[in-house]
Amino acid sequence: MFVSEPVEQDQGADASFPGYRGYTEKLVLAELCSRLRSADGKWGLCVLAHPREDLAALARTWEANSASLAGGVYRAGTLTSRQIVAAADGVAGMASILLYEAWLLGRPTLSLQPGLIRSDLGIFRARPGVHCVESAGEMQAITDWLIEVRAPRGAPRPEISAHQDAAGFLAKVWASAPRAS
């Protein structure tokens, strides 16, 4: 699966925008599709849109780049994004928290941010087992990720235990926090 984000909408399409990341979701999805088409075997891709993302624009990007690939943009249905991540053979994206969840679940994870110019978004580099592309010279990581996607499913990472009651913990902290009057 590919976890999309409205990068161009939020940070701009080029360096003339102050928050520009060095890439857009359009560039990343195009690169991933290209690599899937050139890889051995039949590949399919479920593209998961961010809740604020323009589904029609994302579908156009998919259509422009998906020749010979199965899959498409997931339209809201009965499955949650977490359920889709849990069912995926591998998860690719940019800097989404869903990549972190995929990594915790033991899914092959690819952070695809070619041209990254903002160090604050290089959050997956330190995670062992996450395949990262932050420059053109690291594209081999996509092939390595695809090899892992074909392998038998791995077990959840040990770090997952630190998150088992994270939501409950945060709710308790929030409930006990002093409020400004």
N, C-alpha and C. Protein backbone atom coordinates (compact mmCIF):
# COMPACT_ATOMS: atom_id res chain seq x y z
N MET A 1 0.83 -1.18 0.00
CA MET A 1 0.00 0.00 0.00
C MET A 1 0.87 1.23 0.00
N PHE A 2 0.30 2.32 -0.48
CA PHE A 2 0.97 3.62 -0.46
C PHE A 2 0.12 4.57 0.36
N VAL A 3 0.72 5.15 1.40
CA VAL A 3 0.05 6.12 2.25
C VAL A 3 0.39 7.51 1.70
N SER A 4 -0.61 8.17 1.17
CA SER A 4 -0.38 9.48 0.60
C SER A 4 -0.59 10.57 1.64
N GLU A 5 -0.10 11.74 1.33
CA GLU A 5 -0.26 12.94 2.16
C GLU A 5 -0.43 14.13 1.22
N PRO A 6 -1.14 15.18 1.62
CA PRO A 6 -1.30 16.35 0.77
C PRO A 6 -0.08 17.27 0.83
N VAL A 7 1.06 16.75 0.45
CA VAL A 7 2.33 17.48 0.55
C VAL A 7 2.30 18.77 -0.25
N GLU A 8 1.90 18.66 -1.51
CA GLU A 8 1.90 19.85 -2.37
C GLU A 8 0.95 20.92 -1.83
N GLN A 9 -0.20 20.51 -1.35
CA GLN A 9 -1.17 21.44 -0.78
C GLN A 9 -0.62 22.13 0.47
N ASP A 10 0.09 21.36 1.31
CA ASP A 10 0.56 21.89 2.60
C ASP A 10 1.91 22.59 2.53
N GLN A 11 2.86 22.06 1.74
CA GLN A 11 4.21 22.62 1.72
C GLN A 11 4.65 23.14 0.36
N GLY A 12 3.81 23.03 -0.64
CA GLY A 12 4.13 23.59 -1.93
C GLY A 12 4.74 22.61 -2.92
N ALA A 13 4.76 23.04 -4.18
CA ALA A 13 5.21 22.19 -5.28
C ALA A 13 6.67 22.38 -5.66
N ASP A 14 7.30 23.43 -5.12
CA ASP A 14 8.70 23.67 -5.47
C ASP A 14 9.35 24.56 -4.42
N ALA A 15 10.63 24.84 -4.63
CA ALA A 15 11.43 25.58 -3.64
C ALA A 15 10.99 27.03 -3.44
N SER A 16 10.07 27.52 -4.25
CA SER A 16 9.57 28.89 -4.03
C SER A 16 8.64 28.96 -2.81
N PHE A 17 8.22 27.81 -2.30
CA PHE A 17 7.38 27.75 -1.10
C PHE A 17 8.28 27.54 0.11
N PRO A 18 8.10 28.32 1.18
CA PRO A 18 9.01 28.25 2.34
C PRO A 18 9.10 26.88 3.01
N GLY A 19 8.02 26.12 3.05
CA GLY A 19 8.04 24.82 3.72
C GLY A 19 8.30 23.64 2.81
N TYR A 20 8.66 23.90 1.55
CA TYR A 20 8.83 22.84 0.55
C TYR A 20 9.70 21.70 1.09
N ARG A 21 9.23 20.48 0.87
CA ARG A 21 9.94 19.29 1.38
C ARG A 21 11.07 18.82 0.46
N GLY A 22 11.01 19.20 -0.80
CA GLY A 22 11.98 18.68 -1.76
C GLY A 22 11.35 17.65 -2.68
N TYR A 23 10.09 17.35 -2.48
CA TYR A 23 9.34 16.39 -3.27
C TYR A 23 7.86 16.67 -3.05
N THR A 24 7.02 16.05 -3.86
CA THR A 24 5.57 16.10 -3.65
C THR A 24 5.03 14.68 -3.69
N GLU A 25 3.81 14.52 -3.27
CA GLU A 25 3.16 13.20 -3.31
C GLU A 25 3.05 12.71 -4.76
N LYS A 26 2.90 13.62 -5.70
CA LYS A 26 2.80 13.24 -7.12
C LYS A 26 4.10 12.62 -7.60
N LEU A 27 5.21 13.26 -7.27
CA LEU A 27 6.53 12.74 -7.66
C LEU A 27 6.79 11.39 -7.00
N VAL A 28 6.46 11.27 -5.74
CA VAL A 28 6.72 10.03 -5.00
C VAL A 28 5.88 8.88 -5.54
N LEU A 29 4.60 9.10 -5.76
CA LEU A 29 3.74 8.04 -6.29
C LEU A 29 4.19 7.64 -7.70
N ALA A 30 4.57 8.61 -8.51
CA ALA A 30 5.07 8.29 -9.86
C ALA A 30 6.33 7.43 -9.79
N GLU A 31 7.25 7.77 -8.89
CA GLU A 31 8.49 7.00 -8.75
C GLU A 31 8.20 5.58 -8.26
N LEU A 32 7.32 5.45 -7.30
CA LEU A 32 6.98 4.12 -6.79
C LEU A 32 6.33 3.28 -7.88
N CYS A 33 5.40 3.84 -8.62
CA CYS A 33 4.76 3.11 -9.71
C CYS A 33 5.79 2.67 -10.75
N SER A 34 6.70 3.55 -11.09
CA SER A 34 7.73 3.23 -12.07
C SER A 34 8.58 2.05 -11.59
N ARG A 35 8.97 2.10 -10.33
CA ARG A 35 9.79 1.01 -9.77
C ARG A 35 9.01 -0.31 -9.69
N LEU A 36 7.73 -0.24 -9.36
CA LEU A 36 6.92 -1.46 -9.33
C LEU A 36 6.78 -2.05 -10.72
N ARG A 37 6.56 -1.21 -11.72
CA ARG A 37 6.43 -1.71 -13.10
C ARG A 37 7.71 -2.37 -13.59
N SER A 38 8.86 -1.87 -13.17
CA SER A 38 10.13 -2.44 -13.65
C SER A 38 10.59 -3.63 -12.80
N ALA A 39 9.95 -3.88 -11.68
CA ALA A 39 10.33 -5.02 -10.83
C ALA A 39 9.72 -6.31 -11.39
N ASP A 40 10.39 -7.41 -11.12
CA ASP A 40 9.87 -8.70 -11.55
C ASP A 40 8.56 -9.01 -10.83
N GLY A 41 7.66 -9.65 -11.54
CA GLY A 41 6.41 -10.10 -10.94
C GLY A 41 5.26 -9.13 -11.18
N LYS A 42 4.12 -9.54 -10.67
CA LYS A 42 2.92 -8.70 -10.78
C LYS A 42 2.74 -7.97 -9.47
N TRP A 43 2.57 -6.67 -9.57
CA TRP A 43 2.43 -5.85 -8.37
C TRP A 43 1.11 -5.09 -8.41
N GLY A 44 0.57 -4.88 -7.25
CA GLY A 44 -0.62 -4.06 -7.11
C GLY A 44 -0.40 -3.09 -5.97
N LEU A 45 -1.14 -2.02 -5.99
CA LEU A 45 -0.95 -0.98 -4.98
C LEU A 45 -2.29 -0.41 -4.55
N CYS A 46 -2.53 -0.43 -3.27
CA CYS A 46 -3.68 0.26 -2.68
C CYS A 46 -3.17 1.63 -2.25
N VAL A 47 -3.74 2.68 -2.80
CA VAL A 47 -3.33 4.04 -2.49
C VAL A 47 -4.31 4.60 -1.47
N LEU A 48 -3.81 4.94 -0.31
CA LEU A 48 -4.64 5.44 0.78
C LEU A 48 -4.47 6.95 0.88
N ALA A 49 -5.54 7.67 0.67
CA ALA A 49 -5.50 9.13 0.72
C ALA A 49 -5.54 9.63 2.15
N HIS A 50 -4.90 10.75 2.39
CA HIS A 50 -5.01 11.45 3.67
C HIS A 50 -6.42 12.03 3.74
N PRO A 51 -7.00 12.14 4.93
CA PRO A 51 -8.37 12.68 5.03
C PRO A 51 -8.57 14.06 4.41
N ARG A 52 -7.53 14.90 4.36
CA ARG A 52 -7.65 16.23 3.77
C ARG A 52 -7.28 16.26 2.29
N GLU A 53 -6.92 15.13 1.75
CA GLU A 53 -6.44 15.08 0.37
C GLU A 53 -7.58 15.09 -0.64
N ASP A 54 -7.34 15.70 -1.78
CA ASP A 54 -8.29 15.74 -2.89
C ASP A 54 -8.27 14.38 -3.59
N LEU A 55 -9.32 13.57 -3.37
CA LEU A 55 -9.36 12.22 -3.94
C LEU A 55 -9.30 12.23 -5.46
N ALA A 56 -9.97 13.16 -6.09
CA ALA A 56 -9.97 13.22 -7.56
C ALA A 56 -8.57 13.51 -8.09
N ALA A 57 -7.85 14.42 -7.45
CA ALA A 57 -6.49 14.73 -7.89
C ALA A 57 -5.57 13.54 -7.66
N LEU A 58 -5.72 12.85 -6.53
CA LEU A 58 -4.90 11.67 -6.26
C LEU A 58 -5.21 10.57 -7.27
N ALA A 59 -6.48 10.39 -7.59
CA ALA A 59 -6.87 9.39 -8.59
C ALA A 59 -6.27 9.72 -9.96
N ARG A 60 -6.22 11.00 -10.32
CA ARG A 60 -5.59 11.40 -11.59
C ARG A 60 -4.10 11.07 -11.59
N THR A 61 -3.43 11.30 -10.46
CA THR A 61 -2.01 10.97 -10.36
C THR A 61 -1.82 9.46 -10.50
N TRP A 62 -2.67 8.68 -9.85
CA TRP A 62 -2.61 7.22 -9.96
C TRP A 62 -2.82 6.81 -11.42
N GLU A 63 -3.86 7.31 -12.05
CA GLU A 63 -4.16 6.94 -13.44
C GLU A 63 -3.02 7.30 -14.38
N ALA A 64 -2.37 8.41 -14.15
CA ALA A 64 -1.28 8.85 -15.01
C ALA A 64 -0.03 7.99 -14.86
N ASN A 65 0.08 7.23 -13.76
CA ASN A 65 1.31 6.51 -13.47
C ASN A 65 1.16 5.01 -13.28
N SER A 66 -0.04 4.50 -13.29
CA SER A 66 -0.27 3.12 -12.88
C SER A 66 -0.32 2.09 -13.99
N ALA A 67 0.00 2.46 -15.21
CA ALA A 67 -0.10 1.51 -16.33
C ALA A 67 0.44 0.14 -15.94
N SER A 68 -0.35 -0.88 -16.18
CA SER A 68 -0.05 -2.30 -15.92
C SER A 68 0.01 -2.67 -14.44
N LEU A 69 -0.30 -1.77 -13.54
CA LEU A 69 -0.35 -2.11 -12.12
C LEU A 69 -1.80 -2.31 -11.68
N ALA A 70 -2.01 -3.31 -10.87
CA ALA A 70 -3.34 -3.50 -10.28
C ALA A 70 -3.48 -2.55 -9.10
N GLY A 71 -4.72 -2.27 -8.74
CA GLY A 71 -4.96 -1.46 -7.56
C GLY A 71 -5.66 -0.17 -7.88
N GLY A 72 -5.53 0.78 -6.96
CA GLY A 72 -6.17 2.08 -7.15
C GLY A 72 -6.26 2.82 -5.84
N VAL A 73 -6.93 3.95 -5.89
CA VAL A 73 -7.13 4.79 -4.72
C VAL A 73 -8.28 4.21 -3.91
N TYR A 74 -8.02 3.95 -2.64
CA TYR A 74 -9.05 3.40 -1.76
C TYR A 74 -10.07 4.48 -1.44
N ARG A 75 -11.30 4.20 -1.71
CA ARG A 75 -12.40 5.10 -1.39
C ARG A 75 -12.94 4.68 -0.03
N ALA A 76 -13.30 5.63 0.78
CA ALA A 76 -13.78 5.34 2.14
C ALA A 76 -14.77 4.18 2.10
N GLY A 77 -14.53 3.24 2.97
CA GLY A 77 -15.38 2.05 3.02
C GLY A 77 -15.43 1.51 4.43
N THR A 78 -15.51 0.22 4.54
CA THR A 78 -15.68 -0.40 5.85
C THR A 78 -14.37 -0.55 6.62
N LEU A 79 -13.24 -0.47 5.94
CA LEU A 79 -11.95 -0.65 6.60
C LEU A 79 -11.36 0.70 7.04
N THR A 80 -10.73 0.69 8.20
CA THR A 80 -10.01 1.88 8.65
C THR A 80 -8.61 1.85 8.08
N SER A 81 -7.92 2.98 8.14
CA SER A 81 -6.55 3.03 7.65
C SER A 81 -5.68 2.05 8.44
N ARG A 82 -5.91 1.91 9.71
CA ARG A 82 -5.12 0.97 10.53
C ARG A 82 -5.37 -0.47 10.09
N GLN A 83 -6.60 -0.81 9.74
CA GLN A 83 -6.89 -2.16 9.27
C GLN A 83 -6.22 -2.43 7.93
N ILE A 84 -6.18 -1.43 7.08
CA ILE A 84 -5.52 -1.59 5.78
C ILE A 84 -4.02 -1.78 5.98
N VAL A 85 -3.42 -1.01 6.87
CA VAL A 85 -1.99 -1.17 7.17
C VAL A 85 -1.73 -2.58 7.70
N ALA A 86 -2.56 -3.03 8.61
CA ALA A 86 -2.37 -4.36 9.20
C ALA A 86 -2.49 -5.47 8.17
N ALA A 87 -3.31 -5.26 7.13
CA ALA A 87 -3.50 -6.28 6.10
C ALA A 87 -2.46 -6.20 4.98
N ALA A 88 -1.74 -5.11 4.89
CA ALA A 88 -0.81 -4.89 3.78
C ALA A 88 0.40 -5.80 3.85
N ASP A 89 0.90 -6.18 2.69
CA ASP A 89 2.15 -6.94 2.61
C ASP A 89 3.35 -6.03 2.84
N GLY A 90 3.20 -4.77 2.49
CA GLY A 90 4.24 -3.76 2.69
C GLY A 90 3.59 -2.40 2.63
N VAL A 91 4.22 -1.43 3.29
CA VAL A 91 3.66 -0.08 3.35
C VAL A 91 4.73 0.92 2.94
N ALA A 92 4.37 1.74 1.95
CA ALA A 92 5.25 2.82 1.50
C ALA A 92 4.53 4.14 1.72
N GLY A 93 5.29 5.17 1.93
CA GLY A 93 4.73 6.49 2.10
C GLY A 93 5.86 7.49 2.23
N MET A 94 5.57 8.61 2.82
CA MET A 94 6.57 9.66 2.95
C MET A 94 6.96 9.82 4.42
N ALA A 95 6.13 10.55 5.18
CA ALA A 95 6.45 10.79 6.59
C ALA A 95 5.23 10.57 7.48
N SER A 96 4.27 9.82 7.03
CA SER A 96 3.02 9.60 7.75
C SER A 96 3.23 8.78 9.02
N ILE A 97 2.42 9.06 10.02
CA ILE A 97 2.43 8.26 11.25
C ILE A 97 2.03 6.82 10.95
N LEU A 98 1.28 6.59 9.87
CA LEU A 98 0.92 5.22 9.50
C LEU A 98 2.14 4.40 9.13
N LEU A 99 3.21 5.04 8.66
CA LEU A 99 4.45 4.30 8.40
C LEU A 99 5.03 3.79 9.71
N TYR A 100 4.96 4.61 10.74
CA TYR A 100 5.45 4.19 12.05
C TYR A 100 4.63 3.01 12.56
N GLU A 101 3.32 3.07 12.38
CA GLU A 101 2.47 1.95 12.80
C GLU A 101 2.79 0.69 12.02
N ALA A 102 3.03 0.83 10.71
CA ALA A 102 3.39 -0.32 9.88
C ALA A 102 4.69 -0.94 10.38
N TRP A 103 5.65 -0.09 10.70
CA TRP A 103 6.94 -0.56 11.22
C TRP A 103 6.75 -1.32 12.53
N LEU A 104 5.93 -0.78 13.43
CA LEU A 104 5.66 -1.46 14.70
C LEU A 104 5.02 -2.82 14.47
N LEU A 105 4.14 -2.91 13.47
CA LEU A 105 3.47 -4.18 13.17
C LEU A 105 4.37 -5.19 12.47
N GLY A 106 5.57 -4.76 12.10
CA GLY A 106 6.50 -5.66 11.43
C GLY A 106 6.31 -5.73 9.93
N ARG A 107 5.57 -4.80 9.36
CA ARG A 107 5.37 -4.78 7.92
C ARG A 107 6.60 -4.13 7.26
N PRO A 108 7.00 -4.64 6.10
CA PRO A 108 8.07 -3.96 5.37
C PRO A 108 7.66 -2.51 5.12
N THR A 109 8.51 -1.58 5.51
CA THR A 109 8.17 -0.16 5.51
C THR A 109 9.17 0.63 4.69
N LEU A 110 8.65 1.50 3.83
CA LEU A 110 9.47 2.33 2.95
C LEU A 110 9.08 3.79 3.13
N SER A 111 10.03 4.61 3.56
CA SER A 111 9.84 6.06 3.61
C SER A 111 10.48 6.63 2.35
N LEU A 112 9.64 7.06 1.44
CA LEU A 112 10.09 7.50 0.12
C LEU A 112 9.98 9.02 0.05
N GLN A 113 11.12 9.71 0.25
CA GLN A 113 11.17 11.17 0.26
C GLN A 113 12.35 11.66 -0.59
N PRO A 114 12.38 11.31 -1.88
CA PRO A 114 13.53 11.69 -2.71
C PRO A 114 13.66 13.20 -2.83
N GLY A 115 14.85 13.70 -2.57
CA GLY A 115 15.08 15.14 -2.63
C GLY A 115 14.81 15.85 -1.32
N LEU A 116 14.63 15.09 -0.25
CA LEU A 116 14.28 15.68 1.05
C LEU A 116 15.26 16.78 1.43
N ILE A 117 14.71 17.97 1.74
CA ILE A 117 15.56 19.09 2.14
C ILE A 117 15.24 19.57 3.56
N ARG A 118 14.28 18.93 4.20
CA ARG A 118 13.91 19.32 5.56
C ARG A 118 14.29 18.21 6.52
N SER A 119 15.29 18.44 7.33
CA SER A 119 15.78 17.40 8.23
C SER A 119 14.73 16.97 9.25
N ASP A 120 13.76 17.83 9.56
CA ASP A 120 12.73 17.46 10.53
C ASP A 120 11.82 16.34 10.02
N LEU A 121 11.86 16.04 8.73
CA LEU A 121 11.02 14.99 8.17
C LEU A 121 11.78 13.67 7.97
N GLY A 122 13.05 13.64 8.30
CA GLY A 122 13.85 12.42 8.19
C GLY A 122 13.68 11.53 9.41
N ILE A 123 12.45 11.36 9.84
CA ILE A 123 12.15 10.70 11.12
C ILE A 123 12.30 9.19 11.11
N PHE A 124 12.36 8.59 9.93
CA PHE A 124 12.43 7.12 9.88
C PHE A 124 13.85 6.60 9.72
N ARG A 125 14.80 7.47 9.45
CA ARG A 125 16.19 7.06 9.22
C ARG A 125 16.74 6.27 10.41
N ALA A 126 16.35 6.63 11.61
CA ALA A 126 16.89 5.99 12.81
C ALA A 126 16.15 4.70 13.18
N ARG A 127 15.10 4.35 12.46
CA ARG A 127 14.34 3.14 12.78
C ARG A 127 14.96 1.95 12.06
N PRO A 128 15.48 0.98 12.82
CA PRO A 128 16.08 -0.18 12.16
C PRO A 128 15.03 -0.94 11.35
N GLY A 129 15.37 -1.25 10.12
CA GLY A 129 14.46 -2.01 9.28
C GLY A 129 13.58 -1.17 8.38
N VAL A 130 13.54 0.14 8.56
CA VAL A 130 12.78 0.99 7.64
C VAL A 130 13.68 1.33 6.46
N HIS A 131 13.18 1.09 5.27
CA HIS A 131 13.92 1.43 4.05
C HIS A 131 13.65 2.90 3.76
N CYS A 132 14.71 3.68 3.61
CA CYS A 132 14.57 5.13 3.42
C CYS A 132 15.21 5.58 2.11
N VAL A 133 14.47 6.42 1.41
CA VAL A 133 14.99 7.10 0.22
C VAL A 133 14.82 8.59 0.47
N GLU A 134 15.95 9.27 0.63
CA GLU A 134 15.93 10.71 0.83
C GLU A 134 16.71 11.43 -0.26
N SER A 135 17.36 10.67 -1.12
CA SER A 135 18.10 11.25 -2.24
C SER A 135 18.05 10.28 -3.42
N ALA A 136 18.38 10.78 -4.60
CA ALA A 136 18.35 9.95 -5.81
C ALA A 136 19.30 8.76 -5.70
N GLY A 137 20.36 8.89 -4.94
CA GLY A 137 21.33 7.82 -4.79
C GLY A 137 20.88 6.67 -3.90
N GLU A 138 19.72 6.80 -3.30
CA GLU A 138 19.23 5.75 -2.39
C GLU A 138 18.07 4.94 -2.96
N MET A 139 17.83 5.02 -4.25
CA MET A 139 16.68 4.34 -4.85
C MET A 139 16.75 2.82 -4.73
N GLN A 140 17.94 2.26 -4.49
CA GLN A 140 18.07 0.82 -4.28
C GLN A 140 17.21 0.37 -3.10
N ALA A 141 16.93 1.27 -2.17
CA ALA A 141 16.10 0.93 -1.01
C ALA A 141 14.72 0.45 -1.44
N ILE A 142 14.22 0.93 -2.58
CA ILE A 142 12.92 0.48 -3.06
C ILE A 142 12.98 -0.99 -3.44
N THR A 143 14.03 -1.38 -4.14
CA THR A 143 14.23 -2.78 -4.51
C THR A 143 14.37 -3.65 -3.26
N ASP A 144 15.14 -3.17 -2.29
CA ASP A 144 15.31 -3.92 -1.04
C ASP A 144 13.97 -4.09 -0.32
N TRP A 145 13.15 -3.03 -0.33
CA TRP A 145 11.83 -3.10 0.28
C TRP A 145 10.96 -4.14 -0.44
N LEU A 146 11.00 -4.15 -1.77
CA LEU A 146 10.20 -5.11 -2.53
C LEU A 146 10.61 -6.55 -2.24
N ILE A 147 11.89 -6.79 -2.04
CA ILE A 147 12.36 -8.12 -1.67
C ILE A 147 11.75 -8.51 -0.32
N GLU A 148 11.74 -7.58 0.60
CA GLU A 148 11.17 -7.85 1.92
C GLU A 148 9.65 -8.06 1.84
N VAL A 149 8.98 -7.32 0.96
CA VAL A 149 7.53 -7.47 0.80
C VAL A 149 7.19 -8.89 0.36
N ARG A 150 8.04 -9.48 -0.48
CA ARG A 150 7.79 -10.85 -0.97
C ARG A 150 8.08 -11.93 0.08
N ALA A 151 8.81 -11.58 1.12
CA ALA A 151 9.19 -12.56 2.15
C ALA A 151 7.99 -12.85 3.06
N PRO A 152 8.07 -13.96 3.80
CA PRO A 152 6.99 -14.24 4.75
C PRO A 152 6.84 -13.09 5.74
N ARG A 153 5.63 -12.89 6.18
CA ARG A 153 5.30 -11.79 7.08
C ARG A 153 6.08 -11.91 8.39
N GLY A 154 6.67 -10.80 8.82
CA GLY A 154 7.42 -10.76 10.06
C GLY A 154 6.53 -10.52 11.27
N ALA A 155 7.09 -10.73 12.41
CA ALA A 155 6.37 -10.51 13.67
C ALA A 155 6.41 -9.02 14.01
N PRO A 156 5.47 -8.59 14.84
CA PRO A 156 5.54 -7.19 15.31
C PRO A 156 6.87 -6.92 15.99
N ARG A 157 7.30 -5.69 15.92
CA ARG A 157 8.56 -5.29 16.55
C ARG A 157 8.38 -5.23 18.06
N PRO A 158 9.44 -5.46 18.81
CA PRO A 158 9.33 -5.42 20.27
C PRO A 158 8.90 -4.05 20.80
N GLU A 159 9.20 -2.99 20.05
CA GLU A 159 8.83 -1.63 20.47
C GLU A 159 7.32 -1.44 20.57
N ILE A 160 6.55 -2.34 19.97
CA ILE A 160 5.10 -2.19 19.99
C ILE A 160 4.55 -2.23 21.41
N SER A 161 5.22 -2.96 22.29
CA SER A 161 4.72 -3.07 23.67
C SER A 161 4.72 -1.72 24.39
N ALA A 162 5.60 -0.81 24.00
CA ALA A 162 5.65 0.51 24.62
C ALA A 162 4.45 1.36 24.24
N HIS A 163 3.70 0.94 23.24
CA HIS A 163 2.57 1.72 22.73
C HIS A 163 1.21 1.10 23.04
N GLN A 164 1.19 -0.04 23.70
CA GLN A 164 -0.06 -0.77 23.87
C GLN A 164 -1.15 0.02 24.57
N ASP A 165 -0.82 0.84 25.53
CA ASP A 165 -1.85 1.64 26.20
C ASP A 165 -1.57 3.13 26.03
N ALA A 166 -0.97 3.50 24.91
CA ALA A 166 -0.60 4.90 24.69
C ALA A 166 -1.82 5.82 24.72
N ALA A 167 -2.89 5.43 24.06
CA ALA A 167 -4.08 6.29 24.02
C ALA A 167 -4.68 6.45 25.42
N GLY A 168 -4.74 5.37 26.18
CA GLY A 168 -5.25 5.45 27.56
C GLY A 168 -4.38 6.32 28.44
N PHE A 169 -3.07 6.18 28.27
CA PHE A 169 -2.13 6.99 29.04
C PHE A 169 -2.31 8.48 28.73
N LEU A 170 -2.40 8.81 27.46
CA LEU A 170 -2.59 10.20 27.07
C LEU A 170 -3.93 10.75 27.59
N ALA A 171 -4.96 9.93 27.55
CA ALA A 171 -6.26 10.37 28.06
C ALA A 171 -6.18 10.68 29.56
N LYS A 172 -5.46 9.84 30.32
CA LYS A 172 -5.30 10.09 31.76
C LYS A 172 -4.51 11.37 32.01
N VAL A 173 -3.44 11.58 31.27
CA VAL A 173 -2.64 12.79 31.42
C VAL A 173 -3.47 14.02 31.11
N TRP A 174 -4.21 13.96 30.01
CA TRP A 174 -5.04 15.08 29.60
C TRP A 174 -6.11 15.37 30.65
N ALA A 175 -6.74 14.32 31.18
CA ALA A 175 -7.80 14.49 32.17
C ALA A 175 -7.29 15.10 33.47
N SER A 176 -6.04 14.80 33.81
CA SER A 176 -5.50 15.30 35.07
C SER A 176 -4.72 16.61 34.92
N ALA A 177 -4.58 17.10 33.71
CA ALA A 177 -3.82 18.33 33.47
C ALA A 177 -4.60 19.54 33.97
N PRO A 178 -3.88 20.49 34.60
CA PRO A 178 -4.58 21.71 35.04
C PRO A 178 -5.06 22.50 33.83
N ARG A 179 -6.19 23.14 33.99
CA ARG A 179 -6.79 23.92 32.90
C ARG A 179 -6.64 25.41 33.19
N ALA A 180 -6.37 26.16 32.15
CA ALA A 180 -6.30 27.62 32.29
C ALA A 180 -7.73 28.16 32.44
N SER A 181 -7.88 29.15 33.26
CA SER A 181 -9.23 29.69 33.44
C SER A 181 -9.46 30.91 32.60
